[in-house]
């Protein structure tokens, strides 16, 4: 689990995956904190309702029901059935394995984020570097610029200061 508690994990699942499943379809119906077991159902974009069990051991599909019999539901149902009771380390991995449409949306979201980062880097590189990234080293000494969060050791080795700054 990515979050510290089962409750937080289940809440995150019901919010974070709407881009790649039927929006608003994830519903928690078992939340047993004592035994660390949660169950929820959600509907894949292919028109298949699945029940997922979440434990400290991972994520697994426990059942599935096609809501229609028009492609891609039948072929995806076979894919889901082949992975029933198979544990996955992450919810993303589970959904990418059983839902081609989720995988496609996930990849598109990732691509969009990378494009956004690239565009921001292009924008940043068009501005003078002194405004964006103050130099780590002062040109007159080998010490790092004073940082109140830096635990200075008063050494002349800039790598020691850099290591302290990073830790």
N, C-alpha and C. Protein backbone atom coordinates (compact mmCIF):
# COMPACT_ATOMS: atom_id res chain seq x y z
N UNK A 1 0.84 -1.18 0.00
CA UNK A 1 0.00 0.00 0.00
C UNK A 1 0.88 1.24 0.00
N UNK A 2 0.44 2.24 -0.71
CA UNK A 2 1.18 3.49 -0.78
C UNK A 2 0.95 4.36 0.44
N UNK A 3 -0.20 4.25 1.04
CA UNK A 3 -0.55 5.10 2.17
C UNK A 3 -0.40 4.31 3.46
N UNK A 4 -0.31 5.02 4.56
CA UNK A 4 -0.06 4.40 5.84
C UNK A 4 -1.21 3.58 6.39
N UNK A 5 -2.42 3.88 5.96
CA UNK A 5 -3.56 3.14 6.49
C UNK A 5 -4.43 2.61 5.36
N UNK A 6 -5.16 1.57 5.69
CA UNK A 6 -6.08 0.99 4.72
C UNK A 6 -7.12 2.02 4.30
N UNK A 7 -7.62 2.76 5.26
CA UNK A 7 -8.64 3.76 4.99
C UNK A 7 -8.14 4.81 3.98
N UNK A 8 -6.92 5.29 4.19
CA UNK A 8 -6.35 6.29 3.28
C UNK A 8 -6.14 5.69 1.89
N UNK A 9 -5.70 4.44 1.84
CA UNK A 9 -5.48 3.77 0.55
C UNK A 9 -6.79 3.63 -0.22
N UNK A 10 -7.83 3.17 0.45
CA UNK A 10 -9.13 3.00 -0.22
C UNK A 10 -9.70 4.34 -0.68
N UNK A 11 -9.57 5.36 0.15
CA UNK A 11 -10.04 6.69 -0.23
C UNK A 11 -9.31 7.19 -1.47
N UNK A 12 -8.00 6.98 -1.51
CA UNK A 12 -7.20 7.41 -2.66
C UNK A 12 -7.63 6.67 -3.93
N UNK A 13 -7.88 5.39 -3.81
CA UNK A 13 -8.29 4.60 -4.99
C UNK A 13 -9.61 5.14 -5.55
N UNK A 14 -10.54 5.51 -4.68
CA UNK A 14 -11.84 5.99 -5.17
C UNK A 14 -11.72 7.35 -5.84
N UNK A 15 -10.63 8.08 -5.62
CA UNK A 15 -10.47 9.40 -6.23
C UNK A 15 -9.49 9.43 -7.39
N UNK A 16 -8.40 8.70 -7.31
CA UNK A 16 -7.26 8.90 -8.20
C UNK A 16 -7.34 8.20 -9.55
N UNK A 17 -8.25 7.29 -9.75
CA UNK A 17 -8.25 6.51 -10.97
C UNK A 17 -9.41 6.81 -11.91
N UNK A 18 -10.16 7.86 -11.64
CA UNK A 18 -11.32 8.18 -12.47
C UNK A 18 -10.96 8.46 -13.93
N UNK A 19 -9.72 8.85 -14.20
CA UNK A 19 -9.32 9.11 -15.58
C UNK A 19 -9.28 7.84 -16.42
N UNK A 20 -9.14 6.66 -15.78
CA UNK A 20 -8.97 5.42 -16.53
C UNK A 20 -10.00 4.36 -16.26
N UNK A 21 -11.03 4.71 -15.46
CA UNK A 21 -12.17 3.81 -15.20
C UNK A 21 -13.42 4.64 -15.42
N UNK A 22 -14.58 4.02 -15.30
CA UNK A 22 -15.81 4.81 -15.39
C UNK A 22 -15.81 5.77 -14.20
N UNK A 23 -15.79 7.07 -14.45
CA UNK A 23 -15.68 8.05 -13.37
C UNK A 23 -16.77 7.87 -12.30
N UNK A 24 -16.33 7.89 -11.05
CA UNK A 24 -17.25 7.76 -9.93
C UNK A 24 -17.72 6.36 -9.64
N UNK A 25 -17.19 5.37 -10.35
CA UNK A 25 -17.69 4.00 -10.18
C UNK A 25 -17.02 3.25 -9.03
N UNK A 26 -15.88 3.72 -8.53
CA UNK A 26 -15.19 3.02 -7.45
C UNK A 26 -15.91 3.26 -6.14
N UNK A 27 -16.37 2.16 -5.54
CA UNK A 27 -17.13 2.23 -4.28
C UNK A 27 -16.59 1.21 -3.30
N UNK A 28 -16.20 1.68 -2.13
CA UNK A 28 -15.71 0.80 -1.07
C UNK A 28 -16.91 0.19 -0.35
N UNK A 29 -16.90 -1.14 -0.18
CA UNK A 29 -18.00 -1.77 0.56
C UNK A 29 -17.52 -2.62 1.73
N UNK A 30 -16.20 -2.81 1.87
CA UNK A 30 -15.63 -3.45 3.05
C UNK A 30 -14.40 -2.65 3.45
N UNK A 31 -14.35 -2.27 4.72
CA UNK A 31 -13.18 -1.55 5.26
C UNK A 31 -12.93 -2.10 6.65
N UNK A 32 -12.12 -3.16 6.73
CA UNK A 32 -11.81 -3.83 7.98
C UNK A 32 -10.39 -3.48 8.39
N UNK A 33 -10.25 -2.38 9.16
CA UNK A 33 -8.93 -1.91 9.58
C UNK A 33 -8.22 -2.93 10.48
N UNK A 34 -8.97 -3.62 11.31
CA UNK A 34 -8.37 -4.58 12.25
C UNK A 34 -7.64 -5.70 11.52
N UNK A 35 -8.26 -6.24 10.47
CA UNK A 35 -7.65 -7.32 9.69
C UNK A 35 -6.95 -6.81 8.43
N UNK A 36 -6.96 -5.50 8.24
CA UNK A 36 -6.33 -4.85 7.09
C UNK A 36 -6.80 -5.44 5.75
N UNK A 37 -8.13 -5.47 5.61
CA UNK A 37 -8.74 -5.95 4.37
C UNK A 37 -9.78 -4.93 3.92
N UNK A 38 -9.69 -4.55 2.67
CA UNK A 38 -10.68 -3.67 2.09
C UNK A 38 -11.15 -4.25 0.78
N UNK A 39 -12.39 -3.98 0.43
CA UNK A 39 -12.92 -4.43 -0.86
C UNK A 39 -13.67 -3.27 -1.49
N UNK A 40 -13.53 -3.17 -2.78
CA UNK A 40 -14.25 -2.15 -3.52
C UNK A 40 -14.62 -2.70 -4.87
N UNK A 41 -15.65 -2.12 -5.44
CA UNK A 41 -15.96 -2.46 -6.83
C UNK A 41 -15.78 -1.22 -7.66
N UNK A 42 -15.49 -1.46 -8.92
CA UNK A 42 -15.37 -0.37 -9.89
C UNK A 42 -15.67 -0.92 -11.26
N UNK A 43 -15.94 -0.02 -12.18
CA UNK A 43 -16.28 -0.43 -13.54
C UNK A 43 -15.18 0.03 -14.49
N UNK A 44 -14.64 -0.94 -15.22
CA UNK A 44 -13.64 -0.63 -16.23
C UNK A 44 -14.30 0.05 -17.42
N UNK A 45 -13.53 0.80 -18.18
CA UNK A 45 -14.06 1.49 -19.36
C UNK A 45 -14.58 0.50 -20.41
N UNK A 46 -14.11 -0.74 -20.34
CA UNK A 46 -14.57 -1.76 -21.28
C UNK A 46 -15.95 -2.30 -20.93
N UNK A 47 -16.54 -1.83 -19.82
CA UNK A 47 -17.88 -2.27 -19.43
C UNK A 47 -17.88 -3.51 -18.57
N UNK A 48 -16.91 -3.63 -17.67
CA UNK A 48 -16.81 -4.79 -16.79
C UNK A 48 -16.72 -4.29 -15.36
N UNK A 49 -17.60 -4.79 -14.51
CA UNK A 49 -17.53 -4.46 -13.09
C UNK A 49 -16.62 -5.48 -12.43
N UNK A 50 -15.67 -4.98 -11.64
CA UNK A 50 -14.75 -5.88 -10.94
C UNK A 50 -14.78 -5.58 -9.44
N UNK A 51 -14.50 -6.61 -8.66
CA UNK A 51 -14.34 -6.46 -7.21
C UNK A 51 -12.86 -6.65 -6.92
N UNK A 52 -12.28 -5.68 -6.20
CA UNK A 52 -10.86 -5.71 -5.87
C UNK A 52 -10.70 -5.81 -4.36
N UNK A 53 -9.81 -6.69 -3.95
CA UNK A 53 -9.47 -6.81 -2.54
C UNK A 53 -8.12 -6.14 -2.32
N UNK A 54 -8.07 -5.28 -1.30
CA UNK A 54 -6.86 -4.55 -0.95
C UNK A 54 -6.42 -5.00 0.44
N UNK A 55 -5.19 -5.48 0.53
CA UNK A 55 -4.63 -5.88 1.82
C UNK A 55 -3.20 -5.35 1.91
N UNK A 56 -2.56 -5.61 3.03
CA UNK A 56 -1.16 -5.22 3.14
C UNK A 56 -0.27 -6.09 2.25
N UNK A 57 -0.82 -7.15 1.68
CA UNK A 57 -0.10 -8.02 0.76
C UNK A 57 -0.21 -7.55 -0.69
N UNK A 58 -1.14 -6.64 -0.98
CA UNK A 58 -1.28 -6.13 -2.34
C UNK A 58 -2.73 -6.01 -2.76
N UNK A 59 -2.94 -6.09 -4.07
CA UNK A 59 -4.23 -5.87 -4.69
C UNK A 59 -4.55 -7.06 -5.57
N UNK A 60 -5.82 -7.50 -5.55
CA UNK A 60 -6.20 -8.60 -6.44
C UNK A 60 -7.68 -8.48 -6.80
N UNK A 61 -7.98 -8.93 -8.01
CA UNK A 61 -9.36 -8.99 -8.46
C UNK A 61 -9.95 -10.29 -7.92
N UNK A 62 -11.12 -10.19 -7.29
CA UNK A 62 -11.75 -11.40 -6.75
C UNK A 62 -12.92 -11.86 -7.60
N UNK A 63 -13.51 -10.96 -8.38
CA UNK A 63 -14.59 -11.35 -9.28
C UNK A 63 -14.79 -10.29 -10.36
N UNK A 64 -15.47 -10.68 -11.40
CA UNK A 64 -15.78 -9.73 -12.47
C UNK A 64 -17.11 -10.09 -13.11
N UNK A 65 -17.78 -9.07 -13.62
CA UNK A 65 -19.07 -9.26 -14.31
C UNK A 65 -19.15 -8.30 -15.48
N UNK A 66 -19.27 -8.84 -16.69
CA UNK A 66 -19.45 -7.93 -17.83
C UNK A 66 -20.82 -7.29 -17.77
N UNK A 67 -20.87 -6.00 -18.06
CA UNK A 67 -22.14 -5.27 -18.05
C UNK A 67 -22.79 -5.25 -19.43
N UNK A 68 -22.03 -5.69 -20.43
CA UNK A 68 -22.57 -5.79 -21.79
C UNK A 68 -21.79 -6.89 -22.51
N UNK A 69 -22.24 -7.25 -23.69
CA UNK A 69 -21.59 -8.33 -24.44
C UNK A 69 -21.15 -7.85 -25.81
N UNK A 70 -20.78 -6.58 -25.87
CA UNK A 70 -20.28 -5.97 -27.10
C UNK A 70 -18.80 -5.69 -26.90
N UNK A 71 -18.02 -5.89 -27.95
CA UNK A 71 -16.58 -5.64 -27.83
C UNK A 71 -16.33 -4.23 -27.36
N UNK A 72 -15.37 -4.05 -26.47
CA UNK A 72 -14.31 -4.97 -26.06
C UNK A 72 -14.61 -5.76 -24.79
N UNK A 73 -15.84 -5.72 -24.29
CA UNK A 73 -16.16 -6.39 -23.01
C UNK A 73 -15.83 -7.89 -23.00
N UNK A 74 -16.23 -8.68 -24.01
CA UNK A 74 -15.94 -10.13 -23.93
C UNK A 74 -14.45 -10.46 -23.88
N UNK A 75 -13.65 -9.80 -24.71
CA UNK A 75 -12.22 -10.10 -24.72
C UNK A 75 -11.54 -9.60 -23.43
N UNK A 76 -11.97 -8.46 -22.92
CA UNK A 76 -11.40 -7.96 -21.68
C UNK A 76 -11.84 -8.81 -20.50
N UNK A 77 -13.06 -9.34 -20.55
CA UNK A 77 -13.54 -10.23 -19.47
C UNK A 77 -12.63 -11.45 -19.38
N UNK A 78 -12.24 -12.01 -20.52
CA UNK A 78 -11.33 -13.15 -20.51
C UNK A 78 -9.98 -12.77 -19.90
N UNK A 79 -9.50 -11.58 -20.21
CA UNK A 79 -8.24 -11.10 -19.66
C UNK A 79 -8.35 -10.94 -18.13
N UNK A 80 -9.44 -10.37 -17.67
CA UNK A 80 -9.65 -10.19 -16.23
C UNK A 80 -9.74 -11.56 -15.55
N UNK A 81 -10.51 -12.47 -16.12
CA UNK A 81 -10.67 -13.80 -15.52
C UNK A 81 -9.35 -14.54 -15.40
N UNK A 82 -8.46 -14.31 -16.33
CA UNK A 82 -7.14 -14.95 -16.27
C UNK A 82 -6.29 -14.41 -15.11
N UNK A 83 -6.69 -13.26 -14.54
CA UNK A 83 -5.92 -12.64 -13.46
C UNK A 83 -6.68 -12.59 -12.14
N UNK A 84 -7.79 -13.32 -12.04
CA UNK A 84 -8.52 -13.35 -10.77
C UNK A 84 -7.66 -14.04 -9.72
N UNK A 85 -7.62 -13.44 -8.53
CA UNK A 85 -6.85 -13.91 -7.37
C UNK A 85 -5.34 -13.82 -7.56
N UNK A 86 -4.88 -13.13 -8.60
CA UNK A 86 -3.44 -12.91 -8.81
C UNK A 86 -3.07 -11.61 -8.09
N UNK A 87 -2.13 -11.67 -7.15
CA UNK A 87 -1.77 -10.45 -6.41
C UNK A 87 -0.89 -9.51 -7.25
N UNK A 88 -1.12 -8.22 -7.06
CA UNK A 88 -0.34 -7.17 -7.72
C UNK A 88 0.22 -6.25 -6.65
N UNK A 89 1.39 -5.69 -6.91
CA UNK A 89 2.02 -4.80 -5.94
C UNK A 89 1.38 -3.42 -5.90
N UNK A 90 0.79 -3.00 -7.02
CA UNK A 90 0.18 -1.67 -7.05
C UNK A 90 -1.15 -1.72 -7.80
N UNK A 91 -1.99 -0.76 -7.48
CA UNK A 91 -3.27 -0.66 -8.15
C UNK A 91 -3.07 -0.33 -9.63
N UNK A 92 -2.10 0.52 -9.92
CA UNK A 92 -1.81 0.87 -11.31
C UNK A 92 -1.42 -0.37 -12.11
N UNK A 93 -0.57 -1.20 -11.53
CA UNK A 93 -0.12 -2.41 -12.21
C UNK A 93 -1.30 -3.34 -12.48
N UNK A 94 -2.16 -3.51 -11.49
CA UNK A 94 -3.35 -4.35 -11.66
C UNK A 94 -4.21 -3.83 -12.81
N UNK A 95 -4.54 -2.55 -12.77
CA UNK A 95 -5.42 -1.99 -13.80
C UNK A 95 -4.78 -1.99 -15.19
N UNK A 96 -3.48 -1.73 -15.27
CA UNK A 96 -2.82 -1.76 -16.58
C UNK A 96 -2.78 -3.18 -17.15
N UNK A 97 -2.73 -4.17 -16.29
CA UNK A 97 -2.68 -5.56 -16.74
C UNK A 97 -4.03 -6.03 -17.25
N UNK A 98 -5.11 -5.65 -16.60
CA UNK A 98 -6.43 -6.21 -16.95
C UNK A 98 -7.25 -5.32 -17.87
N UNK A 99 -6.87 -4.05 -18.05
CA UNK A 99 -7.69 -3.14 -18.84
C UNK A 99 -6.86 -2.39 -19.89
N UNK A 100 -6.96 -2.81 -21.15
CA UNK A 100 -6.24 -2.10 -22.20
C UNK A 100 -6.61 -0.62 -22.29
N UNK A 101 -7.87 -0.29 -22.01
CA UNK A 101 -8.28 1.11 -22.08
C UNK A 101 -7.68 1.91 -20.92
N UNK A 102 -7.57 1.31 -19.73
CA UNK A 102 -6.90 1.99 -18.62
C UNK A 102 -5.44 2.22 -18.98
N UNK A 103 -4.78 1.19 -19.50
CA UNK A 103 -3.37 1.30 -19.87
C UNK A 103 -3.16 2.45 -20.85
N UNK A 104 -4.03 2.54 -21.84
CA UNK A 104 -3.93 3.61 -22.83
C UNK A 104 -4.09 4.98 -22.18
N UNK A 105 -5.07 5.14 -21.31
CA UNK A 105 -5.29 6.42 -20.61
C UNK A 105 -4.13 6.74 -19.67
N UNK A 106 -3.61 5.72 -18.98
CA UNK A 106 -2.47 5.92 -18.08
C UNK A 106 -1.26 6.42 -18.87
N UNK A 107 -0.98 5.76 -19.99
CA UNK A 107 0.15 6.15 -20.82
C UNK A 107 -0.04 7.56 -21.36
N UNK A 108 -1.26 7.91 -21.74
CA UNK A 108 -1.53 9.26 -22.23
C UNK A 108 -1.34 10.30 -21.13
N UNK A 109 -1.80 9.99 -19.93
CA UNK A 109 -1.63 10.92 -18.80
C UNK A 109 -0.14 11.10 -18.49
N UNK A 110 0.61 10.01 -18.53
CA UNK A 110 2.05 10.08 -18.29
C UNK A 110 2.73 10.92 -19.37
N UNK A 111 2.36 10.68 -20.62
CA UNK A 111 2.93 11.44 -21.73
C UNK A 111 2.61 12.93 -21.57
N UNK A 112 1.38 13.24 -21.21
CA UNK A 112 0.98 14.64 -21.02
C UNK A 112 1.80 15.31 -19.92
N UNK A 113 2.04 14.58 -18.82
CA UNK A 113 2.85 15.13 -17.73
C UNK A 113 4.29 15.36 -18.19
N UNK A 114 4.84 14.42 -18.94
CA UNK A 114 6.20 14.59 -19.45
C UNK A 114 6.28 15.77 -20.41
N UNK A 115 5.29 15.94 -21.24
CA UNK A 115 5.24 17.08 -22.15
C UNK A 115 5.18 18.38 -21.37
N UNK A 116 4.41 18.40 -20.30
CA UNK A 116 4.30 19.59 -19.46
C UNK A 116 5.63 19.94 -18.81
N UNK A 117 6.33 18.92 -18.31
CA UNK A 117 7.65 19.14 -17.71
C UNK A 117 8.62 19.66 -18.77
N UNK A 118 8.58 19.06 -19.93
CA UNK A 118 9.47 19.48 -21.01
C UNK A 118 9.18 20.93 -21.40
N UNK A 119 7.92 21.28 -21.53
CA UNK A 119 7.54 22.65 -21.89
C UNK A 119 8.01 23.63 -20.81
N UNK A 120 7.87 23.25 -19.54
CA UNK A 120 8.32 24.11 -18.45
C UNK A 120 9.83 24.28 -18.48
N UNK A 121 10.55 23.20 -18.80
CA UNK A 121 12.01 23.30 -18.89
C UNK A 121 12.41 24.21 -20.04
N UNK A 122 11.68 24.14 -21.14
CA UNK A 122 11.97 25.03 -22.28
C UNK A 122 11.74 26.48 -21.88
N UNK A 123 10.66 26.72 -21.15
CA UNK A 123 10.34 28.06 -20.69
C UNK A 123 11.41 28.55 -19.72
N UNK A 124 11.80 27.68 -18.80
CA UNK A 124 12.82 28.04 -17.82
C UNK A 124 14.16 28.32 -18.48
N UNK A 125 14.51 27.58 -19.52
CA UNK A 125 15.80 27.76 -20.16
C UNK A 125 15.85 29.05 -20.98
N UNK A 126 14.70 29.62 -21.29
CA UNK A 126 14.68 30.89 -22.02
C UNK A 126 14.89 32.08 -21.10
N UNK A 127 14.80 31.87 -19.77
CA UNK A 127 15.06 32.93 -18.80
C UNK A 127 16.53 32.88 -18.40
N UNK A 128 17.09 34.01 -17.97
CA UNK A 128 18.49 34.00 -17.52
C UNK A 128 18.68 33.01 -16.37
N UNK A 129 19.75 32.25 -16.44
CA UNK A 129 19.96 31.19 -15.45
C UNK A 129 20.16 31.73 -14.05
N UNK A 130 20.68 32.93 -13.89
CA UNK A 130 20.91 33.46 -12.55
C UNK A 130 19.60 33.69 -11.80
N UNK A 131 18.52 33.94 -12.52
CA UNK A 131 17.23 34.13 -11.87
C UNK A 131 16.64 32.82 -11.38
N UNK A 132 16.89 31.75 -12.13
CA UNK A 132 16.27 30.47 -11.82
C UNK A 132 17.07 29.62 -10.85
N UNK A 133 18.36 29.52 -11.11
CA UNK A 133 19.20 28.62 -10.34
C UNK A 133 20.40 29.38 -9.79
N UNK A 134 20.31 29.87 -8.58
CA UNK A 134 21.49 30.52 -8.02
C UNK A 134 22.62 29.51 -7.94
N UNK A 135 23.85 29.95 -8.17
CA UNK A 135 24.97 29.00 -8.18
C UNK A 135 25.13 28.33 -6.82
N UNK A 136 25.49 27.05 -6.85
CA UNK A 136 25.73 26.34 -5.62
C UNK A 136 27.02 26.80 -4.95
N UNK A 137 28.02 27.13 -5.75
CA UNK A 137 29.31 27.53 -5.21
C UNK A 137 29.53 29.00 -5.45
N UNK A 138 30.05 29.69 -4.45
CA UNK A 138 30.44 31.08 -4.57
C UNK A 138 31.74 31.11 -5.38
N UNK A 139 31.86 32.03 -6.31
CA UNK A 139 33.04 32.09 -7.15
C UNK A 139 34.30 32.43 -6.37
N UNK A 140 34.17 33.08 -5.22
CA UNK A 140 35.34 33.51 -4.48
C UNK A 140 35.83 32.47 -3.47
N UNK A 141 35.00 31.49 -3.13
CA UNK A 141 35.42 30.48 -2.16
C UNK A 141 34.97 29.12 -2.63
N UNK A 142 35.37 28.12 -1.87
CA UNK A 142 34.93 26.77 -2.19
C UNK A 142 33.76 26.35 -1.33
N UNK A 143 33.20 27.25 -0.50
CA UNK A 143 32.06 26.93 0.35
C UNK A 143 30.75 27.12 -0.41
N UNK A 144 29.74 26.40 0.01
CA UNK A 144 28.40 26.60 -0.53
C UNK A 144 27.86 27.91 -0.02
N UNK A 145 26.90 28.49 -0.75
CA UNK A 145 26.20 29.66 -0.24
C UNK A 145 25.56 29.31 1.09
N UNK A 146 25.46 30.29 1.96
CA UNK A 146 24.89 30.03 3.28
C UNK A 146 23.42 29.63 3.14
N UNK A 147 23.10 28.53 3.74
CA UNK A 147 21.73 28.05 3.76
C UNK A 147 21.41 27.76 5.22
N UNK A 148 20.37 28.37 5.79
CA UNK A 148 20.07 28.13 7.20
C UNK A 148 19.77 26.67 7.50
N UNK A 149 19.37 25.90 6.50
CA UNK A 149 19.08 24.48 6.72
C UNK A 149 20.32 23.61 6.62
N UNK A 150 21.42 24.21 6.20
CA UNK A 150 22.66 23.46 6.02
C UNK A 150 23.40 23.38 7.34
N UNK A 151 23.80 22.20 7.69
CA UNK A 151 24.57 22.00 8.91
C UNK A 151 26.04 22.12 8.54
N UNK A 152 26.59 23.28 8.69
CA UNK A 152 27.95 23.55 8.27
C UNK A 152 28.95 22.85 9.17
N UNK A 153 29.98 22.34 8.54
CA UNK A 153 31.04 21.68 9.29
C UNK A 153 32.32 22.50 9.27
N UNK A 154 32.27 23.69 8.64
CA UNK A 154 33.43 24.57 8.52
C UNK A 154 34.62 23.86 7.90
N UNK A 155 34.37 23.04 6.92
CA UNK A 155 35.46 22.37 6.21
C UNK A 155 35.72 23.12 4.92
N UNK A 156 36.84 22.85 4.33
CA UNK A 156 37.16 23.48 3.06
C UNK A 156 36.83 22.57 1.90
N UNK A 157 36.30 21.38 2.17
CA UNK A 157 35.95 20.44 1.12
C UNK A 157 34.50 20.69 0.71
N UNK A 158 34.27 21.18 -0.51
CA UNK A 158 32.89 21.47 -0.92
C UNK A 158 32.02 20.22 -1.02
N UNK A 159 32.64 19.05 -1.22
CA UNK A 159 31.85 17.83 -1.30
C UNK A 159 31.25 17.44 0.04
N UNK A 160 31.96 17.74 1.14
CA UNK A 160 31.40 17.51 2.47
C UNK A 160 30.20 18.41 2.69
N UNK A 161 30.32 19.68 2.31
CA UNK A 161 29.19 20.60 2.45
C UNK A 161 28.01 20.15 1.58
N UNK A 162 28.31 19.72 0.37
CA UNK A 162 27.26 19.26 -0.52
C UNK A 162 26.56 18.03 0.04
N UNK A 163 27.34 17.10 0.57
CA UNK A 163 26.76 15.90 1.18
C UNK A 163 25.89 16.27 2.38
N UNK A 164 26.36 17.19 3.22
CA UNK A 164 25.55 17.65 4.36
C UNK A 164 24.27 18.33 3.90
N UNK A 165 24.38 19.12 2.86
CA UNK A 165 23.21 19.83 2.33
C UNK A 165 22.16 18.84 1.81
N UNK A 166 22.62 17.77 1.14
CA UNK A 166 21.71 16.78 0.58
C UNK A 166 21.07 15.95 1.67
N UNK A 167 21.74 15.73 2.77
CA UNK A 167 21.20 14.92 3.86
C UNK A 167 20.52 15.83 4.81
